Every structure is written in structure tokens, then in C-alpha cells.
Amino acid sequence: MSIKSYIIHCEQDKKGSLFSELQKLSNCEVIPAQNHEVIIVVTDTDSDESDNQLYNQLLEMKGLKHMSLVSGFDPK
């Protein structure tokens, strides 16, 4: 089980649509900043394969400007 958190920087005026798309993903908790074009995403996956798939899905999101891994935990 991997738990990771990312800060996602959105393209200008894309925060709402990106937030909606992120909420559709399983294994994620999505938290929007109230005063910036930033979204926090916390992922919780049960295998390296599902973690990689989710990571790639995040990278392909429209409206994503930049994504930074903030923290990662893998109890292996």
C-alpha cells in the first residue's frame, strides 16, 4: 500500500474543471486550495502497478500545469 500526496498547480482558470476530473478517480482524496490555483491530491493504492497507473492518469489530466510529489509512504 502506497500513500502519496501531490500539489497540483493548475493552468489559469482550469481549477474547477480539473478538480471535477480528479474527483472521478478512485483511490484519491482531492482538496482544493481556497485562494490559489492549487489542488492537493492524496493517493492510496494497493500495488506498485496501480500506483503507476494512477500517477500516469494524473499526468494526463487537462488543465494540469505542474505536479509535485510532496510526501510518499510505502510500508514495504
PDB file of N, CA and C in Angstrom:
ATOM      1  N   MET A   1       0.845  -1.175   0.000  1.00  0.00           N
ATOM      2  CA  MET A   1       0.000   0.000   0.000  1.00  0.00           C
ATOM      3  C   MET A   1       0.889   1.237   0.000  1.00  0.00           C
ATOM      4  N   SER A   2       0.708   2.077  -1.014  1.00  0.00           N
ATOM      5  CA  SER A   2       1.447   3.330  -1.111  1.00  0.00           C
ATOM      6  C   SER A   2       0.506   4.496  -0.864  1.00  0.00           C
ATOM      7  N   ILE A   3       0.947   5.419  -0.050  1.00  0.00           N
ATOM      8  CA  ILE A   3       0.198   6.648   0.188  1.00  0.00           C
ATOM      9  C   ILE A   3       1.107   7.799  -0.220  1.00  0.00           C
ATOM     10  N   LYS A   4       0.620   8.621  -1.130  1.00  0.00           N
ATOM     11  CA  LYS A   4       1.407   9.749  -1.621  1.00  0.00           C
ATOM     12  C   LYS A   4       0.542  10.989  -1.652  1.00  0.00           C
ATOM     13  N   SER A   5       1.184  12.133  -1.502  1.00  0.00           N
ATOM     14  CA  SER A   5       0.459  13.395  -1.642  1.00  0.00           C
ATOM     15  C   SER A   5       1.185  14.266  -2.665  1.00  0.00           C
ATOM     16  N   TYR A   6       0.380  14.939  -3.455  1.00  0.00           N
ATOM     17  CA  TYR A   6       0.885  15.791  -4.530  1.00  0.00           C
ATOM     18  C   TYR A   6       0.269  17.179  -4.401  1.00  0.00           C
ATOM     19  N   ILE A   7       1.033  18.185  -4.807  1.00  0.00           N
ATOM     20  CA  ILE A   7       0.495  19.516  -5.021  1.00  0.00           C
ATOM     21  C   ILE A   7       0.372  19.667  -6.525  1.00  0.00           C
ATOM     22  N   ILE A   8      -0.839  19.987  -6.965  1.00  0.00           N
ATOM     23  CA  ILE A   8      -1.090  20.156  -8.391  1.00  0.00           C
ATOM     24  C   ILE A   8      -1.344  21.632  -8.663  1.00  0.00           C
ATOM     25  N   HIS A   9      -0.532  22.200  -9.553  1.00  0.00           N
ATOM     26  CA  HIS A   9      -0.711  23.575  -9.988  1.00  0.00           C
ATOM     27  C   HIS A   9      -1.516  23.531 -11.279  1.00  0.00           C
ATOM     28  N   CYS A  10      -2.556  24.336 -11.321  1.00  0.00           N
ATOM     29  CA  CYS A  10      -3.485  24.325 -12.449  1.00  0.00           C
ATOM     30  C   CYS A  10      -3.143  25.425 -13.444  1.00  0.00           C
ATOM     31  N   GLU A  11      -3.531  25.189 -14.693  1.00  0.00           N
ATOM     32  CA  GLU A  11      -3.477  26.266 -15.668  1.00  0.00           C
ATOM     33  C   GLU A  11      -4.503  27.318 -15.257  1.00  0.00           C
ATOM     34  N   GLN A  12      -4.284  28.542 -15.705  1.00  0.00           N
ATOM     35  CA  GLN A  12      -5.175  29.635 -15.298  1.00  0.00           C
ATOM     36  C   GLN A  12      -6.620  29.317 -15.687  1.00  0.00           C
ATOM     37  N   ASP A  13      -7.514  29.522 -14.748  1.00  0.00           N
ATOM     38  CA  ASP A  13      -8.960  29.324 -14.915  1.00  0.00           C
ATOM     39  C   ASP A  13      -9.352  27.873 -15.207  1.00  0.00           C
ATOM     40  N   LYS A  14      -8.517  26.913 -14.852  1.00  0.00           N
ATOM     41  CA  LYS A  14      -8.821  25.499 -15.082  1.00  0.00           C
ATOM     42  C   LYS A  14      -9.028  24.721 -13.792  1.00  0.00           C
ATOM     43  N   LYS A  15      -8.947  25.394 -12.661  1.00  0.00           N
ATOM     44  CA  LYS A  15      -9.021  24.702 -11.376  1.00  0.00           C
ATOM     45  C   LYS A  15     -10.338  23.941 -11.203  1.00  0.00           C
ATOM     46  N   GLY A  16     -11.446  24.558 -11.533  1.00  0.00           N
ATOM     47  CA  GLY A  16     -12.749  23.923 -11.350  1.00  0.00           C
ATOM     48  C   GLY A  16     -12.910  22.661 -12.184  1.00  0.00           C
ATOM     49  N   SER A  17     -12.558  22.736 -13.450  1.00  0.00           N
ATOM     50  CA  SER A  17     -12.711  21.566 -14.324  1.00  0.00           C
ATOM     51  C   SER A  17     -11.715  20.473 -13.948  1.00  0.00           C
ATOM     52  N   LEU A  18     -10.504  20.853 -13.590  1.00  0.00           N
ATOM     53  CA  LEU A  18      -9.511  19.858 -13.174  1.00  0.00           C
ATOM     54  C   LEU A  18      -9.937  19.190 -11.871  1.00  0.00           C
ATOM     55  N   PHE A  19     -10.444  19.973 -10.940  1.00  0.00           N
ATOM     56  CA  PHE A  19     -10.924  19.437  -9.674  1.00  0.00           C
ATOM     57  C   PHE A  19     -12.027  18.400  -9.914  1.00  0.00           C
ATOM     58  N   SER A  20     -12.960  18.708 -10.800  1.00  0.00           N
ATOM     59  CA  SER A  20     -14.051  17.779 -11.119  1.00  0.00           C
ATOM     60  C   SER A  20     -13.527  16.472 -11.697  1.00  0.00           C
ATOM     61  N   GLU A  21     -12.545  16.562 -12.583  1.00  0.00           N
ATOM     62  CA  GLU A  21     -11.971  15.357 -13.179  1.00  0.00           C
ATOM     63  C   GLU A  21     -11.203  14.521 -12.152  1.00  0.00           C
ATOM     64  N   LEU A  22     -10.478  15.192 -11.264  1.00  0.00           N
ATOM     65  CA  LEU A  22      -9.722  14.494 -10.235  1.00  0.00           C
ATOM     66  C   LEU A  22     -10.643  13.746  -9.274  1.00  0.00           C
ATOM     67  N   GLN A  23     -11.800  14.322  -8.987  1.00  0.00           N
ATOM     68  CA  GLN A  23     -12.741  13.669  -8.073  1.00  0.00           C
ATOM     69  C   GLN A  23     -13.285  12.359  -8.635  1.00  0.00           C
ATOM     70  N   LYS A  24     -13.220  12.171  -9.931  1.00  0.00           N
ATOM     71  CA  LYS A  24     -13.717  10.949 -10.563  1.00  0.00           C
ATOM     72  C   LYS A  24     -12.760   9.769 -10.389  1.00  0.00           C
ATOM     73  N   LEU A  25     -11.511  10.045 -10.048  1.00  0.00           N
ATOM     74  CA  LEU A  25     -10.515   8.988  -9.888  1.00  0.00           C
ATOM     75  C   LEU A  25     -10.726   8.239  -8.575  1.00  0.00           C
ATOM     76  N   SER A  26     -10.554   6.930  -8.635  1.00  0.00           N
ATOM     77  CA  SER A  26     -10.618   6.156  -7.392  1.00  0.00           C
ATOM     78  C   SER A  26      -9.262   6.232  -6.697  1.00  0.00           C
ATOM     79  N   ASN A  27      -9.234   5.880  -5.455  1.00  0.00           N
ATOM     80  CA  ASN A  27      -8.004   5.869  -4.644  1.00  0.00           C
ATOM     81  C   ASN A  27      -7.405   7.253  -4.430  1.00  0.00           C
ATOM     82  N   CYS A  28      -8.229   8.314  -4.518  1.00  0.00           N
ATOM     83  CA  CYS A  28      -7.739   9.678  -4.338  1.00  0.00           C
ATOM     84  C   CYS A  28      -8.650  10.469  -3.411  1.00  0.00           C
ATOM     85  N   GLU A  29      -8.025  11.341  -2.644  1.00  0.00           N
ATOM     86  CA  GLU A  29      -8.760  12.378  -1.933  1.00  0.00           C
ATOM     87  C   GLU A  29      -8.273  13.698  -2.521  1.00  0.00           C
ATOM     88  N   VAL A  30      -9.199  14.553  -2.898  1.00  0.00           N
ATOM     89  CA  VAL A  30      -8.874  15.788  -3.608  1.00  0.00           C
ATOM     90  C   VAL A  30      -9.319  16.979  -2.767  1.00  0.00           C
ATOM     91  N   ILE A  31      -8.379  17.899  -2.527  1.00  0.00           N
ATOM     92  CA  ILE A  31      -8.647  19.052  -1.663  1.00  0.00           C
ATOM     93  C   ILE A  31      -8.211  20.324  -2.400  1.00  0.00           C
ATOM     94  N   PRO A  32      -9.159  21.209  -2.740  1.00  0.00           N
ATOM     95  CA  PRO A  32      -8.775  22.438  -3.445  1.00  0.00           C
ATOM     96  C   PRO A  32      -8.335  23.529  -2.468  1.00  0.00           C
ATOM     97  N   ALA A  33      -7.335  24.296  -2.859  1.00  0.00           N
ATOM     98  CA  ALA A  33      -6.966  25.487  -2.084  1.00  0.00           C
ATOM     99  C   ALA A  33      -8.044  26.543  -2.319  1.00  0.00           C
ATOM    100  N   GLN A  34      -8.315  27.346  -1.334  1.00  0.00           N
ATOM    101  CA  GLN A  34      -9.370  28.345  -1.466  1.00  0.00           C
ATOM    102  C   GLN A  34      -8.884  29.650  -2.082  1.00  0.00           C
ATOM    103  N   ASN A  35      -7.575  29.895  -2.050  1.00  0.00           N
ATOM    104  CA  ASN A  35      -7.100  31.192  -2.517  1.00  0.00           C
ATOM    105  C   ASN A  35      -6.035  31.124  -3.621  1.00  0.00           C
ATOM    106  N   HIS A  36      -5.763  29.946  -4.159  1.00  0.00           N
ATOM    107  CA  HIS A  36      -4.760  29.809  -5.221  1.00  0.00           C
ATOM    108  C   HIS A  36      -5.216  28.757  -6.219  1.00  0.00           C
ATOM    109  N   GLU A  37      -4.575  28.750  -7.385  1.00  0.00           N
ATOM    110  CA  GLU A  37      -4.868  27.753  -8.409  1.00  0.00           C
ATOM    111  C   GLU A  37      -4.077  26.473  -8.099  1.00  0.00           C
ATOM    112  N   VAL A  38      -4.345  25.897  -6.922  1.00  0.00           N
ATOM    113  CA  VAL A  38      -3.621  24.725  -6.444  1.00  0.00           C
ATOM    114  C   VAL A  38      -4.618  23.710  -5.898  1.00  0.00           C
ATOM    115  N   ILE A  39      -4.326  22.432  -6.131  1.00  0.00           N
ATOM    116  CA  ILE A  39      -5.143  21.340  -5.605  1.00  0.00           C
ATOM    117  C   ILE A  39      -4.199  20.337  -4.938  1.00  0.00           C
ATOM    118  N   ILE A  40      -4.593  19.845  -3.780  1.00  0.00           N
ATOM    119  CA  ILE A  40      -3.845  18.789  -3.088  1.00  0.00           C
ATOM    120  C   ILE A  40      -4.524  17.457  -3.402  1.00  0.00           C
ATOM    121  N   VAL A  41      -3.735  16.475  -3.792  1.00  0.00           N
ATOM    122  CA  VAL A  41      -4.257  15.137  -4.074  1.00  0.00           C
ATOM    123  C   VAL A  41      -3.501  14.144  -3.206  1.00  0.00           C
ATOM    124  N   VAL A  42      -4.240  13.341  -2.458  1.00  0.00           N
ATOM    125  CA  VAL A  42      -3.656  12.269  -1.647  1.00  0.00           C
ATOM    126  C   VAL A  42      -4.113  10.954  -2.258  1.00  0.00           C
ATOM    127  N   THR A  43      -3.151  10.106  -2.608  1.00  0.00           N
ATOM    128  CA  THR A  43      -3.477   8.817  -3.231  1.00  0.00           C
ATOM    129  C   THR A  43      -3.196   7.685  -2.257  1.00  0.00           C
ATOM    130  N   ASP A  44      -3.935   6.608  -2.414  1.00  0.00           N
ATOM    131  CA  ASP A  44      -3.785   5.411  -1.580  1.00  0.00           C
ATOM    132  C   ASP A  44      -4.000   4.208  -2.488  1.00  0.00           C
ATOM    133  N   THR A  45      -2.922   3.533  -2.853  1.00  0.00           N
ATOM    134  CA  THR A  45      -3.008   2.402  -3.781  1.00  0.00           C
ATOM    135  C   THR A  45      -2.484   1.138  -3.118  1.00  0.00           C
ATOM    136  N   ASP A  46      -2.914  -0.006  -3.647  1.00  0.00           N
ATOM    137  CA  ASP A  46      -2.553  -1.284  -3.028  1.00  0.00           C
ATOM    138  C   ASP A  46      -1.412  -2.020  -3.727  1.00  0.00           C
ATOM    139  N   SER A  47      -0.896  -1.476  -4.828  1.00  0.00           N
ATOM    140  CA  SER A  47       0.220  -2.128  -5.528  1.00  0.00           C
ATOM    141  C   SER A  47       1.012  -1.091  -6.306  1.00  0.00           C
ATOM    142  N   ASP A  48       2.224  -1.463  -6.666  1.00  0.00           N
ATOM    143  CA  ASP A  48       3.054  -0.571  -7.474  1.00  0.00           C
ATOM    144  C   ASP A  48       2.414  -0.323  -8.832  1.00  0.00           C
ATOM    145  N   GLU A  49       1.794  -1.352  -9.382  1.00  0.00           N
ATOM    146  CA  GLU A  49       1.148  -1.221 -10.691  1.00  0.00           C
ATOM    147  C   GLU A  49       0.003  -0.205 -10.647  1.00  0.00           C
ATOM    148  N   SER A  50      -0.856  -0.309  -9.642  1.00  0.00           N
ATOM    149  CA  SER A  50      -1.969   0.636  -9.551  1.00  0.00           C
ATOM    150  C   SER A  50      -1.471   2.043  -9.221  1.00  0.00           C
ATOM    151  N   ASP A  51      -0.385   2.147  -8.461  1.00  0.00           N
ATOM    152  CA  ASP A  51       0.211   3.445  -8.166  1.00  0.00           C
ATOM    153  C   ASP A  51       0.733   4.088  -9.453  1.00  0.00           C
ATOM    154  N   ASN A  52       1.415   3.313 -10.285  1.00  0.00           N
ATOM    155  CA  ASN A  52       1.932   3.830 -11.554  1.00  0.00           C
ATOM    156  C   ASN A  52       0.804   4.235 -12.499  1.00  0.00           C
ATOM    157  N   GLN A  53      -0.263   3.441 -12.546  1.00  0.00           N
ATOM    158  CA  GLN A  53      -1.402   3.774 -13.397  1.00  0.00           C
ATOM    159  C   GLN A  53      -2.045   5.081 -12.950  1.00  0.00           C
ATOM    160  N   LEU A  54      -2.238   5.229 -11.660  1.00  0.00           N
ATOM    161  CA  LEU A  54      -2.837   6.447 -11.129  1.00  0.00           C
ATOM    162  C   LEU A  54      -1.945   7.654 -11.385  1.00  0.00           C
ATOM    163  N   TYR A  55      -0.651   7.503 -11.189  1.00  0.00           N
ATOM    164  CA  TYR A  55       0.303   8.579 -11.455  1.00  0.00           C
ATOM    165  C   TYR A  55       0.212   9.031 -12.911  1.00  0.00           C
ATOM    166  N   ASN A  56       0.167   8.077 -13.829  1.00  0.00           N
ATOM    167  CA  ASN A  56       0.072   8.420 -15.244  1.00  0.00           C
ATOM    168  C   ASN A  56      -1.254   9.094 -15.572  1.00  0.00           C
ATOM    169  N   GLN A  57      -2.335   8.658 -14.921  1.00  0.00           N
ATOM    170  CA  GLN A  57      -3.623   9.326 -15.116  1.00  0.00           C
ATOM    171  C   GLN A  57      -3.561  10.777 -14.663  1.00  0.00           C
ATOM    172  N   LEU A  58      -2.909  11.001 -13.541  1.00  0.00           N
ATOM    173  CA  LEU A  58      -2.769  12.369 -13.037  1.00  0.00           C
ATOM    174  C   LEU A  58      -1.997  13.240 -14.024  1.00  0.00           C
ATOM    175  N   LEU A  59      -0.913  12.704 -14.565  1.00  0.00           N
ATOM    176  CA  LEU A  59      -0.092  13.471 -15.500  1.00  0.00           C
ATOM    177  C   LEU A  59      -0.832  13.830 -16.780  1.00  0.00           C
ATOM    178  N   GLU A  60      -1.816  13.033 -17.165  1.00  0.00           N
ATOM    179  CA  GLU A  60      -2.542  13.257 -18.414  1.00  0.00           C
ATOM    180  C   GLU A  60      -3.754  14.177 -18.260  1.00  0.00           C
ATOM    181  N   MET A  61      -4.023  14.657 -17.058  1.00  0.00           N
ATOM    182  CA  MET A  61      -5.190  15.499 -16.823  1.00  0.00           C
ATOM    183  C   MET A  61      -5.069  16.830 -17.561  1.00  0.00           C
ATOM    184  N   LYS A  62      -6.165  17.219 -18.213  1.00  0.00           N
ATOM    185  CA  LYS A  62      -6.209  18.520 -18.887  1.00  0.00           C
ATOM    186  C   LYS A  62      -6.325  19.609 -17.829  1.00  0.00           C
ATOM    187  N   GLY A  63      -5.588  20.667 -18.027  1.00  0.00           N
ATOM    188  CA  GLY A  63      -5.591  21.770 -17.069  1.00  0.00           C
ATOM    189  C   GLY A  63      -4.456  21.687 -16.067  1.00  0.00           C
ATOM    190  N   LEU A  64      -3.705  20.583 -16.087  1.00  0.00           N
ATOM    191  CA  LEU A  64      -2.565  20.406 -15.187  1.00  0.00           C
ATOM    192  C   LEU A  64      -1.379  21.205 -15.715  1.00  0.00           C
ATOM    193  N   LYS A  65      -0.845  22.062 -14.891  1.00  0.00           N
ATOM    194  CA  LYS A  65       0.335  22.852 -15.261  1.00  0.00           C
ATOM    195  C   LYS A  65       1.606  22.198 -14.725  1.00  0.00           C
ATOM    196  N   HIS A  66       1.545  21.769 -13.464  1.00  0.00           N
ATOM    197  CA  HIS A  66       2.714  21.165 -12.807  1.00  0.00           C
ATOM    198  C   HIS A  66       2.235  20.318 -11.636  1.00  0.00           C
ATOM    199  N   MET A  67       2.926  19.205 -11.392  1.00  0.00           N
ATOM    200  CA  MET A  67       2.575  18.342 -10.268  1.00  0.00           C
ATOM    201  C   MET A  67       3.845  18.003  -9.491  1.00  0.00           C
ATOM    202  N   SER A  68       3.812  18.195  -8.182  1.00  0.00           N
ATOM    203  CA  SER A  68       4.964  17.906  -7.327  1.00  0.00           C
ATOM    204  C   SER A  68       4.588  16.881  -6.267  1.00  0.00           C
ATOM    205  N   LEU A  69       5.416  15.851  -6.132  1.00  0.00           N
ATOM    206  CA  LEU A  69       5.249  14.892  -5.050  1.00  0.00           C
ATOM    207  C   LEU A  69       5.729  15.559  -3.770  1.00  0.00           C
ATOM    208  N   VAL A  70       4.863  15.578  -2.774  1.00  0.00           N
ATOM    209  CA  VAL A  70       5.189  16.231  -1.501  1.00  0.00           C
ATOM    210  C   VAL A  70       5.650  15.198  -0.495  1.00  0.00           C
ATOM    211  N   SER A  71       4.967  14.057  -0.481  1.00  0.00           N
ATOM    212  CA  SER A  71       5.261  13.043   0.523  1.00  0.00           C
ATOM    213  C   SER A  71       4.862  11.680  -0.023  1.00  0.00           C
ATOM    214  N   GLY A  72       5.609  10.670   0.370  1.00  0.00           N
ATOM    215  CA  GLY A  72       5.272   9.305  -0.019  1.00  0.00           C
ATOM    216  C   GLY A  72       5.571   8.340   1.123  1.00  0.00           C
ATOM    217  N   PHE A  73       4.708   7.342   1.275  1.00  0.00           N
ATOM    218  CA  PHE A  73       4.879   6.342   2.319  1.00  0.00           C
ATOM    219  C   PHE A  73       4.545   4.971   1.760  1.00  0.00           C
ATOM    220  N   ASP A  74       5.462   4.046   1.890  1.00  0.00           N
ATOM    221  CA  ASP A  74       5.247   2.674   1.448  1.00  0.00           C
ATOM    222  C   ASP A  74       5.779   1.777   2.545  1.00  0.00           C
ATOM    223  N   PRO A  75       4.913   1.051   3.253  1.00  0.00           N
ATOM    224  CA  PRO A  75       5.340   0.277   4.418  1.00  0.00           C
ATOM    225  C   PRO A  75       6.133  -0.987   4.101  1.00  0.00           C
ATOM    226  N   LYS A  76       6.498  -1.210   2.866  1.00  0.00           N
ATOM    227  CA  LYS A  76       7.227  -2.434   2.488  1.00  0.00           C
ATOM    228  C   LYS A  76       8.586  -2.501   3.136  1.00  0.00           C
TER     229      LYS A  76
END
